[in-house]
Amino acid sequence: MRQAIEITSLQEAEDAIAGENVLLMYLSKENCSVCHALLPKIQDMMEAFPAIKFYQGDVGKIQEIAGQFSIFTVPGLLLYAEGREVLREARFVRVEELNEKLEKINAMYLAE
């Protein structure tokens, strides 16, 4: 199970997006049962993508992050490649479909 890097401020999130080639940001809330059920599945899936940086933030603790990234429901998964959002999933995420999309992004942006 791959642990995410904790984001504690909007600035940290923006710096990560600017500084990483490809990253997945998992945005959740403390009292969200769907968030807590989905996170272990995403953590397991991310084991297969070590080159994709994996971040997690709590929109309850960092409220401005929800506004900046237009998060209207949680969990929200945002995939950035070269500083641009290339994928957005929210609330009910199909892990198998997300895995297929990550495989394609991984091949496009991180293939050697």
N, C-alpha and C. Protein backbone atom coordinates (compact mmCIF):
# COMPACT_ATOMS: atom_id res chain seq x y z
N MET A 1 0.85 -1.18 0.00
CA MET A 1 0.00 0.00 0.00
C MET A 1 0.90 1.24 0.00
N ARG A 2 0.75 2.04 -1.00
CA ARG A 2 1.59 3.23 -1.15
C ARG A 2 0.97 4.42 -0.42
N GLN A 3 1.72 5.03 0.45
CA GLN A 3 1.23 6.19 1.19
C GLN A 3 1.40 7.46 0.34
N ALA A 4 0.44 8.34 0.45
CA ALA A 4 0.47 9.60 -0.27
C ALA A 4 1.27 10.62 0.53
N ILE A 5 1.80 11.60 -0.19
CA ILE A 5 2.47 12.73 0.44
C ILE A 5 1.37 13.70 0.87
N GLU A 6 1.37 14.08 2.14
CA GLU A 6 0.31 14.93 2.69
C GLU A 6 0.51 16.38 2.25
N ILE A 7 -0.55 16.97 1.74
CA ILE A 7 -0.57 18.39 1.38
C ILE A 7 -1.22 19.14 2.53
N THR A 8 -0.57 20.20 3.01
CA THR A 8 -1.11 20.93 4.14
C THR A 8 -1.50 22.37 3.80
N SER A 9 -1.26 22.79 2.55
CA SER A 9 -1.64 24.15 2.15
C SER A 9 -1.87 24.21 0.65
N LEU A 10 -2.58 25.24 0.23
CA LEU A 10 -2.80 25.46 -1.19
C LEU A 10 -1.47 25.67 -1.90
N GLN A 11 -0.55 26.39 -1.26
CA GLN A 11 0.76 26.65 -1.87
C GLN A 11 1.52 25.35 -2.12
N GLU A 12 1.46 24.41 -1.19
CA GLU A 12 2.12 23.11 -1.38
C GLU A 12 1.53 22.39 -2.59
N ALA A 13 0.22 22.44 -2.74
CA ALA A 13 -0.43 21.79 -3.88
C ALA A 13 0.01 22.43 -5.19
N GLU A 14 0.02 23.74 -5.23
CA GLU A 14 0.43 24.44 -6.45
C GLU A 14 1.90 24.19 -6.77
N ASP A 15 2.75 24.14 -5.74
CA ASP A 15 4.17 23.85 -5.95
C ASP A 15 4.37 22.43 -6.49
N ALA A 16 3.59 21.49 -5.97
CA ALA A 16 3.69 20.11 -6.45
C ALA A 16 3.30 20.02 -7.92
N ILE A 17 2.22 20.68 -8.28
CA ILE A 17 1.76 20.66 -9.68
C ILE A 17 2.82 21.27 -10.60
N ALA A 18 3.41 22.36 -10.17
CA ALA A 18 4.43 23.03 -10.98
C ALA A 18 5.74 22.24 -11.04
N GLY A 19 6.03 21.50 -9.97
CA GLY A 19 7.33 20.86 -9.88
C GLY A 19 7.42 19.41 -10.32
N GLU A 20 6.29 18.75 -10.44
CA GLU A 20 6.30 17.33 -10.80
C GLU A 20 5.87 17.13 -12.24
N ASN A 21 6.45 16.13 -12.89
CA ASN A 21 6.08 15.83 -14.27
C ASN A 21 4.64 15.29 -14.32
N VAL A 22 4.35 14.28 -13.50
CA VAL A 22 3.00 13.70 -13.43
C VAL A 22 2.67 13.43 -11.96
N LEU A 23 1.47 13.84 -11.55
CA LEU A 23 1.06 13.59 -10.17
C LEU A 23 -0.43 13.36 -10.09
N LEU A 24 -0.80 12.57 -9.08
CA LEU A 24 -2.20 12.32 -8.76
C LEU A 24 -2.47 12.92 -7.40
N MET A 25 -3.49 13.76 -7.33
CA MET A 25 -3.88 14.40 -6.07
C MET A 25 -5.22 13.83 -5.63
N TYR A 26 -5.25 13.30 -4.42
CA TYR A 26 -6.45 12.71 -3.83
C TYR A 26 -6.96 13.70 -2.78
N LEU A 27 -8.12 14.28 -3.03
CA LEU A 27 -8.69 15.27 -2.12
C LEU A 27 -9.91 14.68 -1.44
N SER A 28 -9.93 14.76 -0.12
CA SER A 28 -10.99 14.14 0.66
C SER A 28 -11.35 15.00 1.86
N LYS A 29 -12.28 14.49 2.66
CA LYS A 29 -12.66 15.13 3.93
C LYS A 29 -12.62 14.07 5.02
N GLU A 30 -12.40 14.52 6.23
CA GLU A 30 -12.26 13.61 7.36
C GLU A 30 -13.52 12.78 7.60
N ASN A 31 -14.69 13.38 7.46
CA ASN A 31 -15.94 12.68 7.78
C ASN A 31 -16.62 12.05 6.56
N CYS A 32 -15.88 11.79 5.51
CA CYS A 32 -16.43 11.24 4.27
C CYS A 32 -16.20 9.72 4.23
N SER A 33 -17.28 8.95 4.32
CA SER A 33 -17.14 7.50 4.33
C SER A 33 -16.67 6.96 2.98
N VAL A 34 -17.11 7.58 1.89
CA VAL A 34 -16.66 7.15 0.56
C VAL A 34 -15.16 7.39 0.43
N CYS A 35 -14.68 8.52 0.94
CA CYS A 35 -13.26 8.84 0.89
C CYS A 35 -12.43 7.78 1.60
N HIS A 36 -12.88 7.39 2.78
CA HIS A 36 -12.15 6.41 3.58
C HIS A 36 -12.20 5.02 2.96
N ALA A 37 -13.26 4.69 2.28
CA ALA A 37 -13.38 3.39 1.62
C ALA A 37 -12.54 3.33 0.34
N LEU A 38 -12.45 4.44 -0.38
CA LEU A 38 -11.74 4.47 -1.65
C LEU A 38 -10.23 4.59 -1.49
N LEU A 39 -9.77 5.29 -0.47
CA LEU A 39 -8.33 5.56 -0.34
C LEU A 39 -7.47 4.30 -0.36
N PRO A 40 -7.78 3.25 0.39
CA PRO A 40 -6.92 2.05 0.32
C PRO A 40 -6.85 1.43 -1.07
N LYS A 41 -7.93 1.51 -1.80
CA LYS A 41 -7.94 0.98 -3.17
C LYS A 41 -7.01 1.79 -4.06
N ILE A 42 -7.04 3.11 -3.90
CA ILE A 42 -6.16 3.99 -4.69
C ILE A 42 -4.71 3.77 -4.27
N GLN A 43 -4.47 3.63 -2.98
CA GLN A 43 -3.11 3.38 -2.50
C GLN A 43 -2.55 2.08 -3.08
N ASP A 44 -3.37 1.04 -3.12
CA ASP A 44 -2.93 -0.23 -3.72
C ASP A 44 -2.65 -0.06 -5.21
N MET A 45 -3.53 0.63 -5.90
CA MET A 45 -3.36 0.84 -7.33
C MET A 45 -2.08 1.62 -7.63
N MET A 46 -1.78 2.62 -6.79
CA MET A 46 -0.62 3.47 -7.04
C MET A 46 0.71 2.74 -6.87
N GLU A 47 0.70 1.57 -6.27
CA GLU A 47 1.92 0.74 -6.18
C GLU A 47 2.46 0.44 -7.58
N ALA A 48 1.57 0.31 -8.55
CA ALA A 48 1.96 -0.02 -9.92
C ALA A 48 2.51 1.17 -10.69
N PHE A 49 2.43 2.37 -10.11
CA PHE A 49 2.85 3.58 -10.81
C PHE A 49 3.84 4.39 -9.96
N PRO A 50 5.01 3.85 -9.72
CA PRO A 50 5.96 4.55 -8.84
C PRO A 50 6.45 5.88 -9.40
N ALA A 51 6.40 6.07 -10.71
CA ALA A 51 6.86 7.33 -11.30
C ALA A 51 5.83 8.45 -11.17
N ILE A 52 4.59 8.12 -10.88
CA ILE A 52 3.55 9.13 -10.69
C ILE A 52 3.54 9.51 -9.22
N LYS A 53 3.82 10.77 -8.94
CA LYS A 53 3.81 11.24 -7.56
C LYS A 53 2.38 11.22 -7.05
N PHE A 54 2.21 10.92 -5.77
CA PHE A 54 0.89 10.70 -5.19
C PHE A 54 0.73 11.60 -3.97
N TYR A 55 -0.23 12.52 -4.04
CA TYR A 55 -0.46 13.48 -2.97
C TYR A 55 -1.88 13.34 -2.44
N GLN A 56 -2.06 13.73 -1.18
CA GLN A 56 -3.38 13.69 -0.55
C GLN A 56 -3.58 14.98 0.24
N GLY A 57 -4.79 15.54 0.13
CA GLY A 57 -5.13 16.74 0.90
C GLY A 57 -6.54 16.65 1.45
N ASP A 58 -6.75 17.30 2.58
CA ASP A 58 -8.05 17.33 3.24
C ASP A 58 -8.69 18.69 2.97
N VAL A 59 -9.78 18.70 2.20
CA VAL A 59 -10.43 19.97 1.86
C VAL A 59 -11.14 20.59 3.06
N GLY A 60 -11.35 19.82 4.11
CA GLY A 60 -11.90 20.38 5.35
C GLY A 60 -10.86 21.22 6.08
N LYS A 61 -9.61 20.82 6.00
CA LYS A 61 -8.53 21.54 6.66
C LYS A 61 -7.95 22.65 5.78
N ILE A 62 -7.99 22.45 4.48
CA ILE A 62 -7.47 23.43 3.51
C ILE A 62 -8.63 23.85 2.63
N GLN A 63 -9.49 24.70 3.15
CA GLN A 63 -10.73 25.03 2.44
C GLN A 63 -10.49 25.75 1.12
N GLU A 64 -9.43 26.54 1.02
CA GLU A 64 -9.18 27.27 -0.23
C GLU A 64 -8.79 26.34 -1.37
N ILE A 65 -8.36 25.12 -1.05
CA ILE A 65 -8.00 24.18 -2.10
C ILE A 65 -9.24 23.75 -2.88
N ALA A 66 -10.38 23.63 -2.19
CA ALA A 66 -11.62 23.26 -2.87
C ALA A 66 -12.03 24.31 -3.89
N GLY A 67 -11.91 25.57 -3.52
CA GLY A 67 -12.25 26.65 -4.45
C GLY A 67 -11.28 26.75 -5.60
N GLN A 68 -10.00 26.65 -5.30
CA GLN A 68 -8.96 26.78 -6.34
C GLN A 68 -9.07 25.68 -7.39
N PHE A 69 -9.39 24.47 -6.95
CA PHE A 69 -9.44 23.33 -7.87
C PHE A 69 -10.86 22.91 -8.23
N SER A 70 -11.84 23.73 -7.89
CA SER A 70 -13.25 23.47 -8.21
C SER A 70 -13.70 22.09 -7.76
N ILE A 71 -13.47 21.81 -6.48
CA ILE A 71 -13.89 20.54 -5.89
C ILE A 71 -15.26 20.76 -5.25
N PHE A 72 -16.29 20.14 -5.83
CA PHE A 72 -17.64 20.31 -5.33
C PHE A 72 -18.11 19.10 -4.53
N THR A 73 -17.43 17.97 -4.71
CA THR A 73 -17.73 16.76 -3.96
C THR A 73 -16.43 16.00 -3.74
N VAL A 74 -16.42 15.21 -2.70
CA VAL A 74 -15.24 14.41 -2.40
C VAL A 74 -15.62 12.94 -2.36
N PRO A 75 -14.71 12.05 -2.61
CA PRO A 75 -13.31 12.31 -2.94
C PRO A 75 -13.17 12.85 -4.36
N GLY A 76 -12.14 13.62 -4.54
CA GLY A 76 -11.80 14.15 -5.85
C GLY A 76 -10.39 13.70 -6.20
N LEU A 77 -10.21 13.18 -7.39
CA LEU A 77 -8.89 12.77 -7.85
C LEU A 77 -8.54 13.62 -9.06
N LEU A 78 -7.42 14.30 -8.96
CA LEU A 78 -6.96 15.15 -10.04
C LEU A 78 -5.61 14.65 -10.52
N LEU A 79 -5.49 14.41 -11.80
CA LEU A 79 -4.23 13.97 -12.38
C LEU A 79 -3.66 15.10 -13.21
N TYR A 80 -2.43 15.46 -12.91
CA TYR A 80 -1.74 16.54 -13.62
C TYR A 80 -0.53 15.98 -14.34
N ALA A 81 -0.34 16.43 -15.57
CA ALA A 81 0.83 16.07 -16.36
C ALA A 81 1.41 17.36 -16.91
N GLU A 82 2.67 17.57 -16.62
CA GLU A 82 3.38 18.77 -17.08
C GLU A 82 2.62 20.05 -16.72
N GLY A 83 2.06 20.08 -15.51
CA GLY A 83 1.40 21.26 -15.01
C GLY A 83 -0.04 21.47 -15.44
N ARG A 84 -0.57 20.55 -16.26
CA ARG A 84 -1.94 20.69 -16.74
C ARG A 84 -2.80 19.55 -16.24
N GLU A 85 -4.04 19.86 -15.90
CA GLU A 85 -4.97 18.82 -15.48
C GLU A 85 -5.36 17.99 -16.70
N VAL A 86 -5.17 16.67 -16.59
CA VAL A 86 -5.49 15.79 -17.70
C VAL A 86 -6.60 14.80 -17.36
N LEU A 87 -6.94 14.70 -16.06
CA LEU A 87 -7.98 13.77 -15.65
C LEU A 87 -8.58 14.23 -14.34
N ARG A 88 -9.89 14.09 -14.24
CA ARG A 88 -10.61 14.45 -13.01
C ARG A 88 -11.68 13.39 -12.77
N GLU A 89 -11.66 12.83 -11.58
CA GLU A 89 -12.66 11.86 -11.16
C GLU A 89 -13.20 12.35 -9.81
N ALA A 90 -14.46 12.08 -9.54
CA ALA A 90 -15.03 12.52 -8.27
C ALA A 90 -16.11 11.56 -7.79
N ARG A 91 -16.28 11.55 -6.50
CA ARG A 91 -17.28 10.81 -5.73
C ARG A 91 -17.23 9.30 -5.93
N PHE A 92 -17.85 8.78 -6.97
CA PHE A 92 -17.87 7.35 -7.21
C PHE A 92 -16.89 7.04 -8.32
N VAL A 93 -15.71 6.59 -7.94
CA VAL A 93 -14.62 6.36 -8.87
C VAL A 93 -14.52 4.87 -9.18
N ARG A 94 -14.50 4.53 -10.44
CA ARG A 94 -14.30 3.15 -10.86
C ARG A 94 -12.80 2.90 -10.93
N VAL A 95 -12.30 2.15 -9.98
CA VAL A 95 -10.86 1.95 -9.83
C VAL A 95 -10.25 1.29 -11.07
N GLU A 96 -10.94 0.32 -11.65
CA GLU A 96 -10.41 -0.37 -12.83
C GLU A 96 -10.25 0.60 -14.00
N GLU A 97 -11.24 1.45 -14.21
CA GLU A 97 -11.17 2.43 -15.29
C GLU A 97 -10.07 3.46 -15.02
N LEU A 98 -9.95 3.88 -13.77
CA LEU A 98 -8.90 4.83 -13.40
C LEU A 98 -7.54 4.20 -13.64
N ASN A 99 -7.38 2.93 -13.31
CA ASN A 99 -6.12 2.23 -13.54
C ASN A 99 -5.75 2.23 -15.02
N GLU A 100 -6.72 1.96 -15.89
CA GLU A 100 -6.47 1.96 -17.33
C GLU A 100 -6.04 3.35 -17.81
N LYS A 101 -6.68 4.38 -17.30
CA LYS A 101 -6.33 5.75 -17.69
C LYS A 101 -4.92 6.09 -17.21
N LEU A 102 -4.58 5.66 -16.00
CA LEU A 102 -3.24 5.93 -15.47
C LEU A 102 -2.17 5.20 -16.29
N GLU A 103 -2.49 3.99 -16.75
CA GLU A 103 -1.55 3.26 -17.60
C GLU A 103 -1.25 4.04 -18.87
N LYS A 104 -2.28 4.61 -19.47
CA LYS A 104 -2.10 5.39 -20.69
C LYS A 104 -1.28 6.66 -20.43
N ILE A 105 -1.61 7.37 -19.35
CA ILE A 105 -0.87 8.58 -19.00
C ILE A 105 0.58 8.23 -18.68
N ASN A 106 0.77 7.16 -17.95
CA ASN A 106 2.12 6.72 -17.59
C ASN A 106 2.94 6.44 -18.86
N ALA A 107 2.33 5.78 -19.83
CA ALA A 107 3.02 5.47 -21.09
C ALA A 107 3.31 6.73 -21.90
N MET A 108 2.38 7.68 -21.89
CA MET A 108 2.56 8.90 -22.67
C MET A 108 3.62 9.83 -22.10
N TYR A 109 3.59 10.03 -20.80
CA TYR A 109 4.43 11.05 -20.18
C TYR A 109 5.69 10.53 -19.50
N LEU A 110 5.69 9.25 -19.13
CA LEU A 110 6.81 8.75 -18.34
C LEU A 110 7.56 7.60 -18.98
N ALA A 111 7.19 7.22 -20.20
CA ALA A 111 7.88 6.13 -20.87
C ALA A 111 9.30 6.57 -21.24
N GLU A 112 10.22 5.65 -21.12
CA GLU A 112 11.61 5.98 -21.44
C GLU A 112 11.95 5.62 -22.84
